N, C-alpha and C. Protein backbone atom coordinates (compact mmCIF):
# COMPACT_ATOMS: atom_id res chain seq x y z
N MET A 1 25.30 -141.92 36.99
CA MET A 1 25.75 -143.27 37.19
C MET A 1 26.38 -143.35 38.59
N LYS A 2 25.97 -144.30 39.38
CA LYS A 2 26.55 -144.48 40.71
C LYS A 2 27.64 -145.54 40.62
N VAL A 3 28.84 -145.15 41.02
CA VAL A 3 30.01 -146.02 40.96
C VAL A 3 30.58 -146.17 42.36
N LYS A 4 30.97 -147.36 42.75
CA LYS A 4 31.62 -147.58 44.04
C LYS A 4 33.13 -147.65 43.85
N VAL A 5 33.86 -147.05 44.77
CA VAL A 5 35.31 -147.05 44.73
C VAL A 5 35.82 -147.66 46.03
N HIS A 6 36.54 -148.76 45.93
CA HIS A 6 37.15 -149.39 47.10
C HIS A 6 38.55 -148.82 47.23
N TRP A 7 38.83 -148.18 48.36
CA TRP A 7 40.11 -147.51 48.52
C TRP A 7 40.82 -148.03 49.76
N ILE A 8 42.11 -147.96 49.73
CA ILE A 8 42.96 -148.42 50.84
C ILE A 8 44.03 -147.36 51.06
N ILE A 9 44.26 -147.02 52.31
CA ILE A 9 45.39 -146.16 52.67
C ILE A 9 46.42 -147.05 53.33
N ASP A 10 47.62 -147.05 52.82
CA ASP A 10 48.68 -147.92 53.34
C ASP A 10 49.81 -147.05 53.88
N GLY A 11 50.36 -147.42 54.98
CA GLY A 11 51.47 -146.65 55.52
C GLY A 11 52.21 -147.43 56.59
N ILE A 12 53.39 -146.98 56.91
CA ILE A 12 54.19 -147.57 57.97
C ILE A 12 54.69 -146.44 58.85
N ALA A 13 54.28 -146.47 60.12
CA ALA A 13 54.71 -145.44 61.08
C ALA A 13 55.86 -146.02 61.91
N GLU A 14 56.85 -145.20 62.19
CA GLU A 14 57.92 -145.59 63.09
C GLU A 14 57.64 -144.96 64.44
N ILE A 15 57.44 -145.79 65.45
CA ILE A 15 56.99 -145.34 66.76
C ILE A 15 57.97 -145.81 67.83
N GLU A 16 58.28 -144.92 68.76
CA GLU A 16 59.05 -145.30 69.94
C GLU A 16 58.07 -145.84 70.97
N ALA A 17 58.23 -147.10 71.37
CA ALA A 17 57.32 -147.71 72.34
C ALA A 17 58.04 -148.84 73.06
N SER A 18 57.53 -149.19 74.23
CA SER A 18 58.13 -150.26 75.03
C SER A 18 57.79 -151.64 74.50
N THR A 19 56.60 -151.77 73.92
CA THR A 19 56.15 -153.07 73.41
C THR A 19 55.45 -152.88 72.07
N LEU A 20 55.25 -153.98 71.36
CA LEU A 20 54.50 -153.92 70.10
C LEU A 20 53.07 -153.44 70.36
N GLU A 21 52.48 -153.92 71.44
CA GLU A 21 51.12 -153.54 71.78
C GLU A 21 51.02 -152.04 72.06
N ASP A 22 52.01 -151.49 72.76
CA ASP A 22 52.03 -150.05 73.02
C ASP A 22 52.13 -149.27 71.71
N ALA A 23 52.95 -149.73 70.79
CA ALA A 23 53.08 -149.07 69.49
C ALA A 23 51.75 -149.07 68.75
N GLU A 24 51.06 -150.21 68.75
CA GLU A 24 49.76 -150.30 68.10
C GLU A 24 48.76 -149.34 68.75
N ARG A 25 48.78 -149.26 70.06
CA ARG A 25 47.87 -148.39 70.80
C ARG A 25 48.13 -146.92 70.45
N ILE A 26 49.39 -146.54 70.37
CA ILE A 26 49.74 -145.15 70.04
C ILE A 26 49.24 -144.78 68.64
N VAL A 27 49.49 -145.65 67.68
CA VAL A 27 49.04 -145.38 66.31
C VAL A 27 47.52 -145.35 66.25
N ASP A 28 46.88 -146.28 66.94
CA ASP A 28 45.41 -146.32 66.98
C ASP A 28 44.85 -145.01 67.52
N GLN A 29 45.44 -144.48 68.58
CA GLN A 29 44.97 -143.23 69.16
C GLN A 29 45.12 -142.07 68.16
N HIS A 30 46.23 -142.02 67.47
CA HIS A 30 46.45 -140.95 66.48
C HIS A 30 45.46 -141.06 65.32
N LEU A 31 45.26 -142.26 64.81
CA LEU A 31 44.35 -142.43 63.67
C LEU A 31 42.92 -142.13 64.06
N ASN A 32 42.51 -142.57 65.25
CA ASN A 32 41.14 -142.28 65.69
C ASN A 32 40.94 -140.79 65.89
N ALA A 33 41.96 -140.08 66.36
CA ALA A 33 41.86 -138.62 66.51
C ALA A 33 41.66 -137.96 65.16
N VAL A 34 42.34 -138.45 64.13
CA VAL A 34 42.18 -137.90 62.78
C VAL A 34 40.75 -138.13 62.29
N ILE A 35 40.21 -139.29 62.54
CA ILE A 35 38.85 -139.60 62.09
C ILE A 35 37.83 -138.73 62.81
N VAL A 36 37.99 -138.55 64.10
CA VAL A 36 37.05 -137.71 64.86
C VAL A 36 37.05 -136.29 64.34
N LYS A 37 38.22 -135.78 63.96
CA LYS A 37 38.33 -134.41 63.47
C LYS A 37 37.80 -134.27 62.04
N ASN A 38 37.76 -135.37 61.29
CA ASN A 38 37.39 -135.30 59.88
C ASN A 38 36.30 -136.34 59.59
N GLU A 39 35.06 -135.98 59.91
CA GLU A 39 33.94 -136.90 59.69
C GLU A 39 33.72 -137.24 58.23
N GLU A 40 34.31 -136.46 57.34
CA GLU A 40 34.18 -136.73 55.91
C GLU A 40 34.71 -138.12 55.55
N LEU A 41 35.72 -138.57 56.31
CA LEU A 41 36.27 -139.92 56.05
C LEU A 41 35.20 -140.99 56.19
N THR A 42 34.33 -140.86 57.19
CA THR A 42 33.29 -141.86 57.37
C THR A 42 32.01 -141.50 56.63
N ASP A 43 31.60 -140.24 56.69
CA ASP A 43 30.32 -139.84 56.10
C ASP A 43 30.34 -139.82 54.58
N LYS A 44 31.38 -139.24 54.00
CA LYS A 44 31.41 -139.08 52.53
C LYS A 44 32.22 -140.18 51.85
N LEU A 45 33.35 -140.56 52.47
CA LEU A 45 34.23 -141.54 51.83
C LEU A 45 34.00 -142.97 52.31
N GLY A 46 33.11 -143.14 53.29
CA GLY A 46 32.70 -144.48 53.68
C GLY A 46 33.72 -145.31 54.43
N ALA A 47 34.67 -144.68 55.10
CA ALA A 47 35.66 -145.45 55.87
C ALA A 47 34.93 -146.31 56.89
N LYS A 48 35.30 -147.60 56.93
CA LYS A 48 34.64 -148.54 57.84
C LYS A 48 35.57 -149.06 58.91
N SER A 49 36.84 -149.16 58.59
CA SER A 49 37.76 -149.73 59.58
C SER A 49 39.19 -149.29 59.30
N ILE A 50 39.98 -149.38 60.34
CA ILE A 50 41.42 -149.15 60.24
C ILE A 50 42.06 -150.33 60.94
N GLN A 51 43.07 -150.88 60.33
CA GLN A 51 43.75 -151.98 60.99
C GLN A 51 45.25 -151.87 60.78
N GLY A 52 45.97 -152.45 61.68
CA GLY A 52 47.41 -152.44 61.58
C GLY A 52 48.01 -153.48 62.51
N LYS A 53 49.25 -153.77 62.32
CA LYS A 53 49.95 -154.76 63.13
C LYS A 53 51.37 -154.29 63.33
N ALA A 54 51.81 -154.23 64.58
CA ALA A 54 53.17 -153.83 64.88
C ALA A 54 54.12 -155.00 64.64
N TYR A 55 55.33 -154.68 64.22
CA TYR A 55 56.36 -155.71 64.01
C TYR A 55 57.72 -155.08 64.22
N LEU A 56 58.69 -155.89 64.49
CA LEU A 56 60.06 -155.42 64.60
C LEU A 56 60.70 -155.44 63.22
N PRO A 57 61.41 -154.37 62.84
CA PRO A 57 61.99 -154.32 61.49
C PRO A 57 63.00 -155.43 61.27
N GLY A 58 63.04 -155.91 60.05
CA GLY A 58 64.00 -156.93 59.66
C GLY A 58 65.35 -156.31 59.36
N LYS A 59 66.33 -157.15 59.07
CA LYS A 59 67.70 -156.66 58.84
C LYS A 59 67.83 -155.76 57.62
N ASP A 60 66.91 -155.87 56.66
CA ASP A 60 66.97 -155.05 55.45
C ASP A 60 66.20 -153.74 55.57
N GLU A 61 65.56 -153.51 56.71
CA GLU A 61 64.82 -152.29 56.92
C GLU A 61 65.63 -151.32 57.78
N HIS A 62 65.47 -150.05 57.53
CA HIS A 62 66.18 -149.02 58.30
C HIS A 62 65.31 -148.49 59.38
């Protein structure tokens, strides 16, 4: 039986950066490096995209 599994990896990275765009770029570089080293993510597990958005923490976040 062939079954499809839709999966999501969720996380929040804390990055030192000058701007939100720089923080996004840093995380993007790290995640792309992980994908290049582990082709199984795309070939076997079908990863199609990675997305994220930088934001400044709110008063309730540490």
